[in-house]
């Protein structure tokens, strides 16, 4: 990984952090929790994954878009969604397997 790419990833992390800190909605909810007598410790974890784009992937995405199939996910998309415990419609068998473990 190049130093420029590392710098960009760090900037992304900082931008996410700043967004959370400056969110009026988050601040409001935290204040509501404190008003109920609790202190709040908010810890978020962000995973940033990078996949180098190849001509092959671009081509398959163009085919999906041309067919108008917005629900077409690559295997990487499905794996990412499952890592967030989000089931993918049409993948019931695999989602059931994930839940049983």
N, C-alpha and C. Protein backbone atom coordinates (compact mmCIF):
# COMPACT_ATOMS: atom_id res chain seq x y z
N UNK A 1 0.85 -1.17 0.00
CA UNK A 1 0.00 0.00 0.00
C UNK A 1 0.89 1.24 0.00
N UNK A 2 0.57 2.16 -0.86
CA UNK A 2 1.39 3.36 -0.97
C UNK A 2 1.12 4.31 0.21
N UNK A 3 2.07 5.18 0.44
CA UNK A 3 1.90 6.13 1.55
C UNK A 3 0.74 7.09 1.27
N UNK A 4 0.50 7.42 0.00
CA UNK A 4 -0.63 8.30 -0.34
C UNK A 4 -1.95 7.61 -0.02
N UNK A 5 -2.04 6.32 -0.33
CA UNK A 5 -3.26 5.57 -0.04
C UNK A 5 -3.48 5.48 1.47
N UNK A 6 -2.42 5.25 2.22
CA UNK A 6 -2.54 5.22 3.69
C UNK A 6 -3.01 6.56 4.22
N UNK A 7 -2.50 7.62 3.64
CA UNK A 7 -2.89 8.97 4.05
C UNK A 7 -4.38 9.19 3.78
N UNK A 8 -4.85 8.74 2.62
CA UNK A 8 -6.26 8.89 2.27
C UNK A 8 -7.16 8.09 3.21
N UNK A 9 -6.73 6.88 3.56
CA UNK A 9 -7.50 6.06 4.50
C UNK A 9 -7.56 6.73 5.86
N UNK A 10 -6.44 7.30 6.29
CA UNK A 10 -6.42 8.02 7.57
C UNK A 10 -7.36 9.22 7.52
N UNK A 11 -7.37 9.94 6.40
CA UNK A 11 -8.28 11.08 6.25
C UNK A 11 -9.73 10.62 6.30
N UNK A 12 -10.03 9.46 5.72
CA UNK A 12 -11.38 8.93 5.76
C UNK A 12 -11.78 8.63 7.21
N UNK A 13 -10.88 8.00 7.95
CA UNK A 13 -11.15 7.71 9.36
C UNK A 13 -11.40 8.98 10.16
N UNK A 14 -10.59 9.99 9.91
CA UNK A 14 -10.76 11.27 10.61
C UNK A 14 -12.08 11.93 10.23
N UNK A 15 -12.47 11.84 8.96
CA UNK A 15 -13.74 12.42 8.51
C UNK A 15 -14.92 11.74 9.18
N UNK A 16 -14.86 10.41 9.31
CA UNK A 16 -15.92 9.66 9.98
C UNK A 16 -15.99 10.09 11.45
N UNK A 17 -14.84 10.18 12.10
CA UNK A 17 -14.76 10.61 13.50
C UNK A 17 -15.38 11.99 13.68
N UNK A 18 -15.00 12.94 12.83
CA UNK A 18 -15.52 14.30 12.91
C UNK A 18 -17.04 14.32 12.69
N UNK A 19 -17.52 13.50 11.77
CA UNK A 19 -18.96 13.46 11.50
C UNK A 19 -19.74 13.02 12.73
N UNK A 20 -19.20 12.03 13.43
CA UNK A 20 -19.87 11.54 14.64
C UNK A 20 -19.82 12.59 15.73
N UNK A 21 -18.67 13.21 15.92
CA UNK A 21 -18.51 14.22 16.97
C UNK A 21 -19.43 15.41 16.74
N UNK A 22 -19.59 15.82 15.48
CA UNK A 22 -20.36 17.02 15.16
C UNK A 22 -21.85 16.75 14.94
N UNK A 23 -22.27 15.52 15.06
CA UNK A 23 -23.67 15.18 14.82
C UNK A 23 -24.56 15.71 15.94
N UNK A 24 -25.48 16.59 15.59
CA UNK A 24 -26.42 17.13 16.57
C UNK A 24 -27.36 16.03 17.07
N UNK A 25 -27.71 15.11 16.18
CA UNK A 25 -28.61 14.02 16.56
C UNK A 25 -27.96 13.13 17.61
N UNK A 26 -26.69 12.76 17.40
CA UNK A 26 -25.99 11.93 18.37
C UNK A 26 -25.85 12.68 19.69
N UNK A 27 -25.47 13.95 19.62
CA UNK A 27 -25.32 14.75 20.83
C UNK A 27 -26.63 14.82 21.60
N UNK A 28 -27.76 14.95 20.89
CA UNK A 28 -29.05 15.02 21.54
C UNK A 28 -29.41 13.73 22.26
N UNK A 29 -29.16 12.61 21.62
CA UNK A 29 -29.47 11.32 22.24
C UNK A 29 -28.56 11.09 23.45
N UNK A 30 -27.28 11.43 23.32
CA UNK A 30 -26.36 11.28 24.45
C UNK A 30 -26.83 12.14 25.62
N UNK A 31 -27.27 13.35 25.33
CA UNK A 31 -27.76 14.24 26.40
C UNK A 31 -29.00 13.64 27.06
N UNK A 32 -29.90 13.05 26.26
CA UNK A 32 -31.10 12.40 26.83
C UNK A 32 -30.72 11.25 27.75
N UNK A 33 -29.74 10.48 27.35
CA UNK A 33 -29.28 9.35 28.19
C UNK A 33 -28.70 9.89 29.49
N UNK A 34 -27.90 10.95 29.40
CA UNK A 34 -27.30 11.55 30.60
C UNK A 34 -28.38 12.10 31.53
N UNK A 35 -29.46 12.64 30.95
CA UNK A 35 -30.53 13.18 31.78
C UNK A 35 -31.26 12.09 32.56
N UNK A 36 -31.09 10.85 32.13
CA UNK A 36 -31.66 9.71 32.86
C UNK A 36 -30.67 9.13 33.88
N UNK A 37 -29.55 9.85 34.11
CA UNK A 37 -28.61 9.46 35.15
C UNK A 37 -27.52 8.50 34.72
N UNK A 38 -27.26 8.41 33.44
CA UNK A 38 -26.21 7.52 32.96
C UNK A 38 -25.13 8.31 32.25
N UNK A 39 -23.89 7.86 32.40
CA UNK A 39 -22.79 8.42 31.62
C UNK A 39 -22.68 7.60 30.35
N UNK A 40 -22.21 8.20 29.29
CA UNK A 40 -22.17 7.52 27.99
C UNK A 40 -20.73 7.40 27.52
N UNK A 41 -20.37 6.20 27.13
CA UNK A 41 -19.10 5.94 26.48
C UNK A 41 -19.44 5.36 25.12
N UNK A 42 -19.13 6.08 24.07
CA UNK A 42 -19.46 5.66 22.72
C UNK A 42 -18.19 5.22 22.01
N UNK A 43 -18.17 3.96 21.63
CA UNK A 43 -17.02 3.41 20.91
C UNK A 43 -17.52 2.81 19.61
N UNK A 44 -17.01 3.30 18.51
CA UNK A 44 -17.40 2.80 17.20
C UNK A 44 -16.19 2.17 16.53
N UNK A 45 -16.46 1.12 15.78
CA UNK A 45 -15.39 0.48 15.03
C UNK A 45 -15.76 0.54 13.56
N UNK A 46 -14.85 1.02 12.75
CA UNK A 46 -15.08 1.08 11.31
C UNK A 46 -14.04 0.21 10.63
N UNK A 47 -14.49 -0.60 9.73
CA UNK A 47 -13.59 -1.41 8.93
C UNK A 47 -13.61 -0.85 7.52
N UNK A 48 -12.44 -0.52 7.03
CA UNK A 48 -12.34 0.02 5.69
C UNK A 48 -11.68 -1.03 4.83
N UNK A 49 -12.39 -1.51 3.85
CA UNK A 49 -11.86 -2.53 2.95
C UNK A 49 -11.62 -1.93 1.58
N UNK A 50 -10.53 -2.30 0.98
CA UNK A 50 -10.20 -1.80 -0.35
C UNK A 50 -10.07 -2.98 -1.30
N UNK A 51 -10.67 -2.86 -2.45
CA UNK A 51 -10.51 -3.84 -3.51
C UNK A 51 -10.08 -3.10 -4.76
N UNK A 52 -8.98 -3.55 -5.33
CA UNK A 52 -8.52 -2.91 -6.55
C UNK A 52 -9.51 -3.19 -7.66
N UNK A 53 -9.89 -2.16 -8.39
CA UNK A 53 -10.87 -2.29 -9.45
C UNK A 53 -10.17 -2.80 -10.70
N UNK A 54 -10.75 -3.85 -11.28
CA UNK A 54 -10.21 -4.38 -12.53
C UNK A 54 -11.26 -4.20 -13.61
N UNK A 55 -10.84 -4.29 -14.85
CA UNK A 55 -11.76 -4.14 -15.97
C UNK A 55 -12.86 -5.17 -15.94
N UNK A 56 -12.56 -6.38 -15.44
CA UNK A 56 -13.54 -7.46 -15.37
C UNK A 56 -14.72 -7.08 -14.48
N UNK A 57 -14.45 -6.53 -13.30
CA UNK A 57 -15.51 -6.14 -12.37
C UNK A 57 -16.35 -5.02 -12.96
N UNK A 58 -15.69 -4.06 -13.61
CA UNK A 58 -16.42 -2.95 -14.21
C UNK A 58 -17.40 -3.47 -15.25
N UNK A 59 -16.96 -4.44 -16.03
CA UNK A 59 -17.79 -5.01 -17.08
C UNK A 59 -19.02 -5.69 -16.51
N UNK A 60 -18.85 -6.49 -15.44
CA UNK A 60 -19.99 -7.19 -14.85
C UNK A 60 -20.97 -6.21 -14.22
N UNK A 61 -20.47 -5.13 -13.63
CA UNK A 61 -21.34 -4.12 -13.06
C UNK A 61 -22.14 -3.42 -14.16
N UNK A 62 -21.49 -3.16 -15.28
CA UNK A 62 -22.17 -2.50 -16.39
C UNK A 62 -23.28 -3.39 -16.93
N UNK A 63 -23.05 -4.70 -16.98
CA UNK A 63 -24.07 -5.63 -17.46
C UNK A 63 -25.26 -5.61 -16.51
N UNK A 64 -25.02 -5.65 -15.20
CA UNK A 64 -26.11 -5.61 -14.22
C UNK A 64 -26.91 -4.33 -14.35
N UNK A 65 -26.22 -3.22 -14.49
CA UNK A 65 -26.92 -1.94 -14.61
C UNK A 65 -27.72 -1.89 -15.90
N UNK A 66 -27.16 -2.42 -16.96
CA UNK A 66 -27.86 -2.41 -18.24
C UNK A 66 -29.13 -3.25 -18.17
N UNK A 67 -29.09 -4.33 -17.41
CA UNK A 67 -30.25 -5.19 -17.25
C UNK A 67 -31.25 -4.60 -16.27
N UNK A 68 -30.86 -3.55 -15.58
CA UNK A 68 -31.74 -2.90 -14.62
C UNK A 68 -31.91 -3.68 -13.33
N UNK A 69 -30.96 -4.54 -13.00
CA UNK A 69 -31.06 -5.38 -11.82
C UNK A 69 -30.31 -4.73 -10.67
N UNK A 70 -30.98 -3.92 -9.88
CA UNK A 70 -30.35 -3.21 -8.77
C UNK A 70 -30.06 -4.14 -7.60
N UNK A 71 -30.64 -5.34 -7.59
CA UNK A 71 -30.44 -6.27 -6.47
C UNK A 71 -29.33 -7.27 -6.75
N UNK A 72 -28.57 -7.06 -7.78
CA UNK A 72 -27.49 -7.98 -8.12
C UNK A 72 -26.26 -7.64 -7.28
N UNK A 73 -25.85 -8.57 -6.43
CA UNK A 73 -24.68 -8.36 -5.57
C UNK A 73 -23.57 -9.32 -5.97
N UNK A 74 -22.34 -8.84 -5.90
CA UNK A 74 -21.20 -9.73 -6.10
C UNK A 74 -21.01 -10.55 -4.83
N UNK A 75 -20.18 -11.58 -4.89
CA UNK A 75 -19.89 -12.40 -3.72
C UNK A 75 -19.28 -11.52 -2.62
N UNK A 76 -18.41 -10.60 -3.01
CA UNK A 76 -17.79 -9.69 -2.03
C UNK A 76 -18.86 -8.83 -1.35
N UNK A 77 -19.83 -8.35 -2.13
CA UNK A 77 -20.93 -7.56 -1.55
C UNK A 77 -21.68 -8.38 -0.51
N UNK A 78 -22.03 -9.62 -0.88
CA UNK A 78 -22.79 -10.48 0.02
C UNK A 78 -22.00 -10.80 1.29
N UNK A 79 -20.70 -11.07 1.12
CA UNK A 79 -19.86 -11.36 2.29
C UNK A 79 -19.80 -10.16 3.23
N UNK A 80 -19.69 -8.96 2.66
CA UNK A 80 -19.64 -7.75 3.47
C UNK A 80 -20.95 -7.56 4.22
N UNK A 81 -22.07 -7.71 3.51
CA UNK A 81 -23.36 -7.54 4.16
C UNK A 81 -23.55 -8.56 5.27
N UNK A 82 -23.14 -9.81 5.04
CA UNK A 82 -23.25 -10.84 6.08
C UNK A 82 -22.38 -10.49 7.28
N UNK A 83 -21.21 -9.87 7.05
CA UNK A 83 -20.35 -9.50 8.17
C UNK A 83 -21.03 -8.47 9.07
N UNK A 84 -21.98 -7.73 8.50
CA UNK A 84 -22.75 -6.76 9.25
C UNK A 84 -24.05 -7.37 9.77
N UNK A 85 -24.19 -8.69 9.59
CA UNK A 85 -25.38 -9.45 9.97
C UNK A 85 -26.63 -8.95 9.25
N UNK A 86 -26.42 -8.64 7.95
CA UNK A 86 -27.52 -8.24 7.08
C UNK A 86 -27.74 -9.38 6.09
N UNK A 87 -28.96 -9.91 6.09
CA UNK A 87 -29.24 -11.01 5.16
C UNK A 87 -29.57 -10.43 3.79
N UNK A 88 -29.24 -11.20 2.78
CA UNK A 88 -29.46 -10.79 1.41
C UNK A 88 -30.64 -11.56 0.86
N UNK A 89 -31.62 -10.85 0.31
CA UNK A 89 -32.81 -11.49 -0.24
C UNK A 89 -32.39 -12.48 -1.32
N UNK A 90 -32.97 -13.68 -1.26
CA UNK A 90 -32.61 -14.72 -2.22
C UNK A 90 -31.46 -15.58 -1.75
N UNK A 91 -30.92 -15.28 -0.59
CA UNK A 91 -29.81 -16.04 -0.01
C UNK A 91 -30.23 -16.67 1.30
N UNK A 92 -31.51 -17.06 1.42
CA UNK A 92 -32.03 -17.55 2.68
C UNK A 92 -31.23 -18.73 3.22
N UNK A 93 -30.86 -19.66 2.36
CA UNK A 93 -30.12 -20.85 2.82
C UNK A 93 -28.80 -20.47 3.45
N UNK A 94 -28.09 -19.57 2.81
CA UNK A 94 -26.80 -19.14 3.36
C UNK A 94 -27.00 -18.34 4.63
N UNK A 95 -28.03 -17.50 4.68
CA UNK A 95 -28.30 -16.69 5.88
C UNK A 95 -28.62 -17.59 7.05
N UNK A 96 -29.38 -18.68 6.80
CA UNK A 96 -29.72 -19.63 7.87
C UNK A 96 -28.46 -20.28 8.39
N UNK A 97 -27.52 -20.63 7.49
CA UNK A 97 -26.27 -21.23 7.92
C UNK A 97 -25.49 -20.29 8.83
N UNK A 98 -25.48 -18.98 8.46
CA UNK A 98 -24.75 -17.99 9.26
C UNK A 98 -25.35 -17.85 10.65
N UNK A 99 -26.68 -17.92 10.76
CA UNK A 99 -27.35 -17.72 12.04
C UNK A 99 -27.15 -18.89 12.97
N UNK A 100 -26.95 -20.09 12.42
CA UNK A 100 -26.84 -21.27 13.27
C UNK A 100 -25.48 -21.38 13.94
N UNK A 101 -24.49 -20.63 13.47
CA UNK A 101 -23.16 -20.74 14.07
C UNK A 101 -22.94 -19.77 15.19
